[in-house]
Amino acid sequence: MAVIGIRWLDQLENMLAPYPMAYPVVVLAALLLVAWLANFITKRILLRGLRKVIERISGPDRNGKQPLRVIARLANIVPSVVIAAGLAIVPELPPGLVKGLQALCHAWTVLTIALAVSHALDVFNQFYERRPDARNKPIKGYLQVAKIVVYALAGLSIVATLFGVKLLHVLTGLGAATAVFMLIFQDTILSLVASVQISGDGRVRIGDWIEMPSQNADGDVIDIALHTVTVQNWDKTVTSIPTKKLVTESFKNWRGMQEAGGRRIKRSIYLDQHSVRFLDDGLRPRIYQFALLHDYLAGKREELGQWNAKVAERYPEPVNSRRLTNLGTFRAYVERYLRNHPQIHQDMTLLVRQMAPTEHGLPLEIYCFTASTAWGDYEATQSDIFDHLLAILPEFGLRVFQQSSDAMFMGLQRAQEATDA
């Protein structure tokens, strides 16, 4: 077959001998035509056949087009290989031009392979992210480092090919420029180290709710890359945090709360201290009707009765006796109310404590955890609890402390003016 081809070329050369440059042009055009046909056959026939085979094996819904895109990129090598091999048989071309064109073909081949490898890494990452544990151990940062290495080697290989030197010599010459490269790629190196630490200790994972005020980030982590961690804030804005910041600066990760299954309520009711008093005959009948306080009041009645009986023998004055207060009884009511609330996590810390008095009143702090970590459920539970407590305060003779404004005095003034009129 090769002999027939050579004879045909000899006959064509003899036939075009009267026309200068006609034979080289025809051979060059034939070479380009062969390269186009090779590309057409590879992409339109071989790849289509391969796609049908993959669909028969894995089914049409298995998304087998991703690997085929990598092969399609590699198919672009075929024309450059054909042209590089065929330039040697084109007559009357200067050797320098042939060498330069072959170098360009080789450079195109290297670049195509680098792009195909890069796309293959993207495809691998897509398949890896389908695993259930992918969000805990993301590999996107490592793959980006691999891409940088591939592109760097491809660039050095292209330079070596175009200048006609060996790649080993180029790599050897780079040893003297290591310090410069360290300076140029210092952010990449720091980001790589940070990515390894983040992936190793699991301090940040995709889907975590993190809060980092220094970077104006408060939301869910949606992507972890080599240089940045992307956070979608609750207002639907997106914040990109440098990966190294998550190692060098502090931030809050709410994953522990979500894994524990309870979200903390820590809020105070500020009481007017002037409303705190002992239980008198006016309050006692109402308070004794609360079912939640039945056991508490019965126990207190027995305890105080025994104490007061002992003290009364020596100090009969009423001031020496112990008595219930409306604040202490209300605190006991709040604790029992939370103990019986279906949306409060009973296996976690639950406190109702009195804090130090302030200029804003006497804080009675509620410290507990909701049974649901969902934001909406948490806010609804918290609001329902404080709605109830604020509404039932007057039953204990207590008042909420609230700084007055001039609205009350304005109302009194208008009422006085109306009376005078």
Protein backbone atom coordinates (compact mmCIF):
# COMPACT_ATOMS: atom_id res chain seq x y z
CA MET A 1 0.00 0.00 0.00
CA ALA A 2 2.85 2.33 0.85
CA VAL A 3 4.56 1.46 -2.44
CA ILE A 4 1.41 2.32 -4.37
CA GLY A 5 1.20 5.65 -2.55
CA ILE A 6 4.79 6.49 -3.37
CA ARG A 7 4.28 5.60 -7.05
CA TRP A 8 1.16 7.76 -7.15
CA LEU A 9 3.07 10.70 -5.69
CA ASP A 10 5.86 10.20 -8.25
CA GLN A 11 3.35 10.20 -11.07
CA LEU A 12 1.69 13.33 -9.67
CA GLU A 13 5.08 15.07 -9.41
CA ASN A 14 5.96 14.20 -13.02
CA MET A 15 2.56 15.42 -14.18
CA LEU A 16 2.92 18.78 -12.41
CA ALA A 17 6.59 19.25 -13.28
CA PRO A 18 5.84 22.02 -15.87
CA TYR A 19 4.15 24.10 -13.17
CA PRO A 20 6.53 25.44 -10.52
CA MET A 21 5.30 25.15 -6.87
CA ALA A 22 2.17 23.34 -8.03
CA TYR A 23 3.25 19.99 -6.63
CA PRO A 24 4.15 21.30 -3.12
CA VAL A 25 0.86 23.19 -2.91
CA VAL A 26 -1.13 20.11 -3.93
CA VAL A 27 0.71 17.90 -1.42
CA LEU A 28 0.21 20.47 1.34
CA ALA A 29 -3.49 20.73 0.51
CA ALA A 30 -3.76 16.94 0.52
CA LEU A 31 -2.06 16.86 3.92
CA LEU A 32 -4.54 19.35 5.34
CA LEU A 33 -7.39 17.34 3.82
CA VAL A 34 -6.10 14.14 5.44
CA ALA A 35 -5.82 15.93 8.79
CA TRP A 36 -9.41 17.17 8.47
CA LEU A 37 -10.64 13.69 7.51
CA ALA A 38 -8.79 12.19 10.50
CA ASN A 39 -10.42 14.71 12.79
CA PHE A 40 -13.85 14.10 11.23
CA ILE A 41 -13.57 10.33 11.52
CA THR A 42 -12.37 10.52 15.12
CA LYS A 43 -15.07 12.89 16.37
CA ARG A 44 -18.06 12.06 14.20
CA ILE A 45 -17.68 8.29 13.86
CA LEU A 46 -15.46 6.88 16.60
CA LEU A 47 -16.77 9.10 19.41
CA ARG A 48 -20.41 8.57 18.41
CA GLY A 49 -19.86 4.84 18.37
CA LEU A 50 -18.15 5.01 21.75
CA ARG A 51 -21.05 7.06 23.15
CA LYS A 52 -23.56 4.44 22.00
CA VAL A 53 -21.49 1.68 23.59
CA ILE A 54 -21.36 3.56 26.91
CA GLU A 55 -25.10 4.23 26.84
CA ARG A 56 -25.80 0.54 26.25
CA ILE A 57 -23.55 -0.46 29.14
CA SER A 58 -24.49 2.20 31.73
CA GLY A 59 -27.80 3.47 30.36
CA PRO A 60 -28.67 6.90 28.89
CA ASP A 61 -29.30 8.45 32.31
CA ARG A 62 -25.89 7.73 33.77
CA ASN A 63 -24.41 10.99 32.49
CA GLY A 64 -21.70 9.30 30.49
CA LYS A 65 -21.11 12.45 28.43
CA GLN A 66 -18.56 13.82 30.92
CA PRO A 67 -15.84 11.22 30.22
CA LEU A 68 -16.55 11.54 26.49
CA ARG A 69 -15.77 15.25 26.67
CA VAL A 70 -12.30 14.37 27.90
CA ILE A 71 -11.86 11.99 24.97
CA ALA A 72 -13.20 14.66 22.60
CA ARG A 73 -10.50 17.03 23.80
CA LEU A 74 -7.86 14.38 23.24
CA ALA A 75 -9.24 13.85 19.73
CA ASN A 76 -7.94 17.33 18.85
CA ILE A 77 -4.45 15.82 18.93
CA VAL A 78 -5.11 13.76 15.80
CA PRO A 79 -4.86 16.62 13.23
CA SER A 80 -1.67 18.00 14.76
CA VAL A 81 -0.06 14.54 14.77
CA VAL A 82 -1.02 14.00 11.11
CA ILE A 83 0.33 17.40 10.08
CA ALA A 84 3.57 16.98 12.06
CA ALA A 85 4.20 13.59 10.45
CA GLY A 86 3.19 14.69 6.94
CA LEU A 87 5.29 17.87 6.76
CA ALA A 88 8.36 15.73 6.09
CA ILE A 89 6.97 14.57 2.74
CA VAL A 90 6.01 18.03 1.49
CA PRO A 91 8.76 18.96 -1.00
CA GLU A 92 10.57 22.27 -1.34
CA LEU A 93 9.71 23.47 2.17
CA PRO A 94 12.62 25.10 4.01
CA PRO A 95 13.95 22.84 6.81
CA GLY A 96 13.61 25.69 9.31
CA LEU A 97 9.95 26.17 8.45
CA VAL A 98 9.27 22.43 8.73
CA LYS A 99 10.98 22.32 12.10
CA GLY A 100 9.06 25.37 13.33
CA LEU A 101 5.70 23.99 12.17
CA GLN A 102 6.42 20.63 13.78
CA ALA A 103 7.30 22.41 17.02
CA LEU A 104 3.98 24.25 16.92
CA CYS A 105 2.17 20.95 16.35
CA HIS A 106 3.95 19.40 19.31
CA ALA A 107 3.13 22.45 21.45
CA TRP A 108 -0.53 22.15 20.46
CA THR A 109 -0.45 18.47 21.40
CA VAL A 110 0.98 19.22 24.84
CA LEU A 111 -1.58 22.00 25.44
CA THR A 112 -4.43 19.74 24.37
CA ILE A 113 -3.29 16.99 26.72
CA ALA A 114 -3.03 19.50 29.59
CA LEU A 115 -6.57 20.76 28.94
CA ALA A 116 -7.87 17.18 28.75
CA VAL A 117 -6.19 16.29 32.06
CA SER A 118 -7.67 19.41 33.65
CA HIS A 119 -11.13 18.49 32.44
CA ALA A 120 -10.63 14.91 33.63
CA LEU A 121 -9.85 16.25 37.12
CA ASP A 122 -13.10 18.28 37.03
CA VAL A 123 -15.03 15.17 36.03
CA PHE A 124 -13.38 13.19 38.82
CA ASN A 125 -14.37 15.88 41.32
CA GLN A 126 -17.99 15.78 40.08
CA PHE A 127 -18.16 12.02 40.58
CA TYR A 128 -16.46 12.29 43.97
CA GLU A 129 -18.96 14.90 45.20
CA ARG A 130 -21.76 12.37 44.70
CA ARG A 131 -20.38 10.29 47.57
CA PRO A 132 -22.18 10.72 50.92
CA ASP A 133 -18.95 11.63 52.75
CA ALA A 134 -17.70 14.08 50.09
CA ARG A 135 -18.93 17.13 52.00
CA ASN A 136 -16.76 16.11 54.97
CA LYS A 137 -13.60 15.54 52.92
CA PRO A 138 -13.60 17.88 49.89
CA ILE A 139 -10.77 17.35 47.40
CA LYS A 140 -11.36 20.35 45.17
CA GLY A 141 -8.35 22.19 46.61
CA TYR A 142 -6.02 19.26 45.94
CA LEU A 143 -7.29 18.94 42.38
CA GLN A 144 -6.68 22.64 41.81
CA VAL A 145 -3.09 22.16 42.93
CA ALA A 146 -2.81 19.25 40.50
CA LYS A 147 -4.11 21.51 37.73
CA ILE A 148 -1.47 24.11 38.55
CA VAL A 149 1.25 21.47 38.36
CA VAL A 150 -0.10 20.14 35.04
CA TYR A 151 -0.30 23.61 33.49
CA ALA A 152 3.16 24.51 34.77
CA LEU A 153 4.70 21.35 33.29
CA ALA A 154 2.80 21.90 30.04
CA GLY A 155 4.03 25.49 29.82
CA LEU A 156 7.63 24.46 30.43
CA SER A 157 7.31 21.67 27.86
CA ILE A 158 5.91 24.08 25.26
CA VAL A 159 8.72 26.55 25.92
CA ALA A 160 11.31 23.76 25.63
CA THR A 161 9.73 22.54 22.38
CA LEU A 162 9.54 25.97 20.76
CA PHE A 163 13.12 26.85 21.65
CA GLY A 164 14.46 23.42 20.74
CA VAL A 165 15.89 22.52 24.15
CA LYS A 166 15.30 19.57 26.46
CA LEU A 167 12.72 19.82 29.19
CA LEU A 168 15.26 18.56 31.74
CA HIS A 169 17.51 21.53 31.00
CA VAL A 170 14.62 23.93 31.53
CA LEU A 171 13.74 22.30 34.86
CA THR A 172 17.38 22.49 35.94
CA GLY A 173 17.49 26.17 35.12
CA LEU A 174 14.46 26.78 37.30
CA GLY A 175 16.40 25.73 40.40
CA ALA A 176 18.02 29.14 40.58
CA ALA A 177 14.59 30.80 40.39
CA THR A 178 13.04 28.80 43.24
CA ALA A 179 13.04 31.77 45.60
CA VAL A 180 11.28 33.91 43.02
CA PHE A 181 8.63 31.24 42.46
CA MET A 182 8.16 30.89 46.22
CA LEU A 183 7.50 34.61 46.39
CA ILE A 184 5.11 34.54 43.44
CA PHE A 185 3.16 31.50 44.61
CA GLN A 186 3.24 32.20 48.35
CA ASP A 187 -0.54 32.69 48.48
CA THR A 188 -1.06 29.39 46.69
CA ILE A 189 1.30 27.59 49.06
CA LEU A 190 -0.37 29.09 52.13
CA SER A 191 -3.78 28.22 50.74
CA LEU A 192 -2.67 24.65 50.07
CA VAL A 193 -1.43 24.25 53.65
CA ALA A 194 -4.69 25.73 54.95
CA SER A 195 -6.73 23.40 52.74
CA VAL A 196 -4.84 20.39 54.09
CA GLN A 197 -5.48 21.50 57.67
CA ILE A 198 -9.16 22.21 57.03
CA SER A 199 -9.66 18.87 55.31
CA GLY A 200 -7.67 17.01 57.93
CA ASP A 201 -9.37 18.26 61.09
CA GLY A 202 -12.78 18.88 59.49
CA ARG A 203 -13.14 22.35 60.97
CA VAL A 204 -15.16 23.48 57.95
CA ARG A 205 -17.31 21.34 55.68
CA ILE A 206 -19.70 22.06 52.84
CA GLY A 207 -23.11 22.77 54.33
CA ASP A 208 -21.76 24.09 57.65
CA TRP A 209 -23.18 27.29 59.08
CA ILE A 210 -20.22 29.50 59.96
CA GLU A 211 -20.08 33.01 61.36
CA MET A 212 -17.02 35.18 60.74
CA PRO A 213 -17.70 38.88 61.47
CA SER A 214 -14.24 40.00 60.30
CA GLN A 215 -15.13 38.82 56.78
CA ASN A 216 -18.84 39.78 56.94
CA ALA A 217 -19.75 36.11 56.58
CA ASP A 218 -22.76 34.54 58.29
CA GLY A 219 -24.35 31.64 56.45
CA ASP A 220 -23.83 28.23 54.86
CA VAL A 221 -20.59 27.07 53.24
CA ILE A 222 -21.39 26.23 49.62
CA ASP A 223 -17.91 25.65 48.20
CA ILE A 224 -14.39 24.91 49.45
CA ALA A 225 -11.69 25.62 46.88
CA LEU A 226 -7.93 26.07 47.03
CA HIS A 227 -7.84 29.83 47.55
CA THR A 228 -11.33 30.64 48.83
CA VAL A 229 -14.20 29.26 50.88
CA THR A 230 -17.55 30.54 49.58
CA VAL A 231 -20.32 31.31 52.07
CA GLN A 232 -23.91 32.11 51.12
CA ASN A 233 -25.15 34.52 53.77
CA TRP A 234 -28.69 34.50 55.13
CA ASP A 235 -29.51 37.60 53.07
CA LYS A 236 -28.61 35.53 49.97
CA THR A 237 -25.40 37.46 49.34
CA VAL A 238 -22.20 35.50 48.77
CA THR A 239 -18.93 36.06 50.63
CA SER A 240 -15.59 34.61 49.55
CA ILE A 241 -13.21 34.01 52.46
CA PRO A 242 -9.50 33.36 51.79
CA THR A 243 -8.82 29.80 52.87
CA LYS A 244 -5.87 30.80 55.02
CA LYS A 245 -8.13 33.12 57.06
CA LEU A 246 -9.95 30.07 58.45
CA VAL A 247 -6.64 28.93 59.96
CA THR A 248 -5.19 32.24 61.14
CA GLU A 249 -8.39 33.93 62.37
CA SER A 250 -11.23 32.86 64.65
CA PHE A 251 -14.71 32.01 63.45
CA LYS A 252 -17.79 30.24 64.80
CA ASN A 253 -19.02 26.97 63.33
CA TRP A 254 -22.58 26.06 64.26
CA ARG A 255 -22.20 22.43 63.20
CA GLY A 256 -21.86 21.30 66.82
CA MET A 257 -25.25 22.78 67.61
CA GLN A 258 -26.85 21.04 64.65
CA GLU A 259 -25.24 17.68 65.48
CA ALA A 260 -26.23 17.96 69.16
CA GLY A 261 -29.87 18.41 68.20
CA GLY A 262 -30.59 21.43 70.39
CA ARG A 263 -30.27 25.19 69.95
CA ARG A 264 -29.74 27.45 72.94
CA ILE A 265 -32.19 30.03 74.24
CA LYS A 266 -30.44 32.60 76.43
CA ARG A 267 -32.69 35.60 77.03
CA SER A 268 -33.75 37.60 80.07
CA ILE A 269 -36.95 39.20 81.26
CA TYR A 270 -36.18 42.48 83.05
CA LEU A 271 -38.47 42.85 86.08
CA ASP A 272 -39.38 45.94 87.99
CA GLN A 273 -37.80 45.43 91.41
CA HIS A 274 -40.53 47.48 93.07
CA SER A 275 -43.02 44.71 92.19
CA VAL A 276 -41.13 42.02 94.15
CA ARG A 277 -42.85 41.18 97.47
CA PHE A 278 -43.95 38.36 99.75
CA LEU A 279 -46.98 36.33 98.86
CA ASP A 280 -49.94 37.90 100.63
CA ASP A 281 -53.55 36.93 100.93
CA GLY A 282 -54.30 38.69 97.65
CA LEU A 283 -51.80 36.68 95.59
CA ARG A 284 -51.84 33.35 97.40
CA PRO A 285 -55.31 32.13 96.28
CA ARG A 286 -54.53 32.77 92.58
CA ILE A 287 -51.08 31.21 92.66
CA TYR A 288 -52.29 28.09 94.49
CA GLN A 289 -54.51 27.35 91.49
CA PHE A 290 -51.54 26.72 89.15
CA ALA A 291 -51.25 22.99 88.52
CA LEU A 292 -47.52 23.28 87.70
CA LEU A 293 -46.86 24.70 91.17
CA HIS A 294 -48.88 22.18 93.15
CA ASP A 295 -45.94 19.97 94.20
CA TYR A 296 -43.64 22.98 94.66
CA LEU A 297 -46.05 24.83 96.93
CA ALA A 298 -46.86 21.70 98.92
CA GLY A 299 -43.17 21.04 99.54
CA LYS A 300 -42.48 24.66 100.42
CA ARG A 301 -45.45 24.77 102.78
CA GLU A 302 -44.10 21.79 104.72
CA GLU A 303 -40.51 23.07 104.70
CA LEU A 304 -41.39 26.59 105.82
CA GLY A 305 -43.84 25.30 108.39
CA GLN A 306 -41.18 23.20 110.07
CA TRP A 307 -38.62 26.02 109.94
CA ASN A 308 -40.96 28.67 111.28
CA ALA A 309 -42.18 26.36 114.05
CA LYS A 310 -38.63 26.00 115.37
CA VAL A 311 -37.84 29.71 115.07
CA ALA A 312 -41.13 30.82 116.64
CA GLU A 313 -40.22 29.19 119.94
CA ARG A 314 -37.34 31.66 120.43
CA TYR A 315 -38.23 34.54 118.10
CA PRO A 316 -41.99 34.84 117.75
CA GLU A 317 -41.84 38.09 115.75
CA PRO A 318 -43.12 37.65 112.10
CA VAL A 319 -39.98 39.27 110.70
CA ASN A 320 -37.96 36.18 111.70
CA SER A 321 -40.12 33.77 109.76
CA ARG A 322 -39.51 32.57 106.20
CA ARG A 323 -42.09 33.33 103.58
CA LEU A 324 -42.57 32.76 99.86
CA THR A 325 -42.00 35.62 97.44
CA ASN A 326 -43.78 36.21 94.20
CA LEU A 327 -40.43 36.31 92.34
CA GLY A 328 -39.22 32.99 93.75
CA THR A 329 -42.58 31.39 93.01
CA PHE A 330 -42.55 32.78 89.48
CA ARG A 331 -39.02 31.42 88.96
CA ALA A 332 -40.19 27.98 90.08
CA TYR A 333 -43.18 28.27 87.74
CA VAL A 334 -40.97 29.14 84.75
CA GLU A 335 -38.67 26.19 85.40
CA ARG A 336 -41.57 23.75 85.63
CA TYR A 337 -43.19 25.30 82.58
CA LEU A 338 -40.01 24.65 80.58
CA ARG A 339 -39.69 21.12 82.02
CA ASN A 340 -43.12 20.32 80.62
CA HIS A 341 -42.71 22.14 77.28
CA PRO A 342 -42.71 19.67 74.33
CA GLN A 343 -40.32 21.81 72.25
CA ILE A 344 -37.62 22.08 74.91
CA HIS A 345 -34.74 19.57 74.92
CA GLN A 346 -34.96 17.98 78.37
CA ASP A 347 -31.55 16.24 78.20
CA MET A 348 -29.64 19.51 77.95
CA THR A 349 -28.95 22.31 80.40
CA LEU A 350 -32.07 24.05 81.68
CA LEU A 351 -31.75 26.97 84.08
CA VAL A 352 -33.94 29.84 85.27
CA ARG A 353 -31.59 32.14 87.12
CA GLN A 354 -31.67 35.59 88.64
CA MET A 355 -28.87 37.83 87.41
CA ALA A 356 -27.33 40.90 89.03
CA PRO A 357 -29.68 43.92 89.07
CA THR A 358 -28.99 46.63 86.51
CA GLU A 359 -30.32 50.09 85.74
CA HIS A 360 -32.74 48.35 83.37
CA GLY A 361 -34.30 46.21 86.10
CA LEU A 362 -33.80 42.77 87.61
CA PRO A 363 -32.88 40.20 84.88
CA LEU A 364 -34.51 36.78 85.12
CA GLU A 365 -32.60 34.73 82.55
CA ILE A 366 -34.02 31.74 80.68
CA TYR A 367 -31.25 29.31 79.70
CA CYS A 368 -32.36 26.18 77.83
CA PHE A 369 -32.22 24.41 74.47
CA THR A 370 -34.94 23.83 71.90
CA ALA A 371 -35.59 20.34 70.59
CA SER A 372 -35.29 21.54 66.97
CA THR A 373 -32.28 23.29 65.44
CA ALA A 374 -34.26 24.63 62.46
CA TRP A 375 -34.21 28.41 62.49
CA GLY A 376 -37.95 28.86 62.02
CA ASP A 377 -38.89 26.30 64.68
CA TYR A 378 -36.36 27.79 67.09
CA GLU A 379 -37.68 31.32 66.74
CA ALA A 380 -41.30 30.15 66.99
CA THR A 381 -40.59 28.18 70.20
CA GLN A 382 -38.66 31.06 71.75
CA SER A 383 -41.38 33.56 70.92
CA ASP A 384 -44.16 31.30 72.27
CA ILE A 385 -42.32 30.87 75.57
CA PHE A 386 -41.79 34.57 76.17
CA ASP A 387 -45.29 35.42 74.95
CA HIS A 388 -46.65 33.18 77.68
CA LEU A 389 -44.29 34.40 80.41
CA LEU A 390 -44.91 38.08 79.73
CA ALA A 391 -48.66 37.53 79.68
CA ILE A 392 -48.72 35.58 82.97
CA LEU A 393 -46.45 37.93 84.93
CA PRO A 394 -49.34 39.99 86.39
CA GLU A 395 -50.78 36.83 87.95
CA PHE A 396 -47.73 36.81 90.23
CA GLY A 397 -47.95 40.51 90.97
CA LEU A 398 -44.80 41.25 88.93
CA ARG A 399 -44.21 43.93 86.34
CA VAL A 400 -41.77 44.18 83.44
CA PHE A 401 -39.32 47.06 83.74
CA GLN A 402 -39.63 49.46 80.83
CA GLN A 403 -38.03 52.84 80.46
CA SER A 404 -40.70 55.48 80.22
CA SER A 405 -40.93 57.98 77.41
CA ASP A 406 -42.66 61.32 77.10
CA ALA A 407 -45.66 59.60 75.49
CA MET A 408 -47.19 58.92 78.93
CA PHE A 409 -46.74 62.49 80.05
CA MET A 410 -48.11 63.79 76.76
CA GLY A 411 -51.19 61.62 77.27
CA LEU A 412 -51.67 62.90 80.83
CA GLN A 413 -51.26 66.46 79.63
CA ARG A 414 -53.89 66.01 76.90
CA ALA A 415 -56.25 64.38 79.41
CA GLN A 416 -55.75 67.29 81.83
CA GLU A 417 -56.37 69.79 79.04
CA ALA A 418 -59.55 67.97 78.09
CA THR A 419 -60.73 68.03 81.72
CA ASP A 420 -60.00 71.73 82.07
CA ALA A 421 -61.88 72.47 78.87
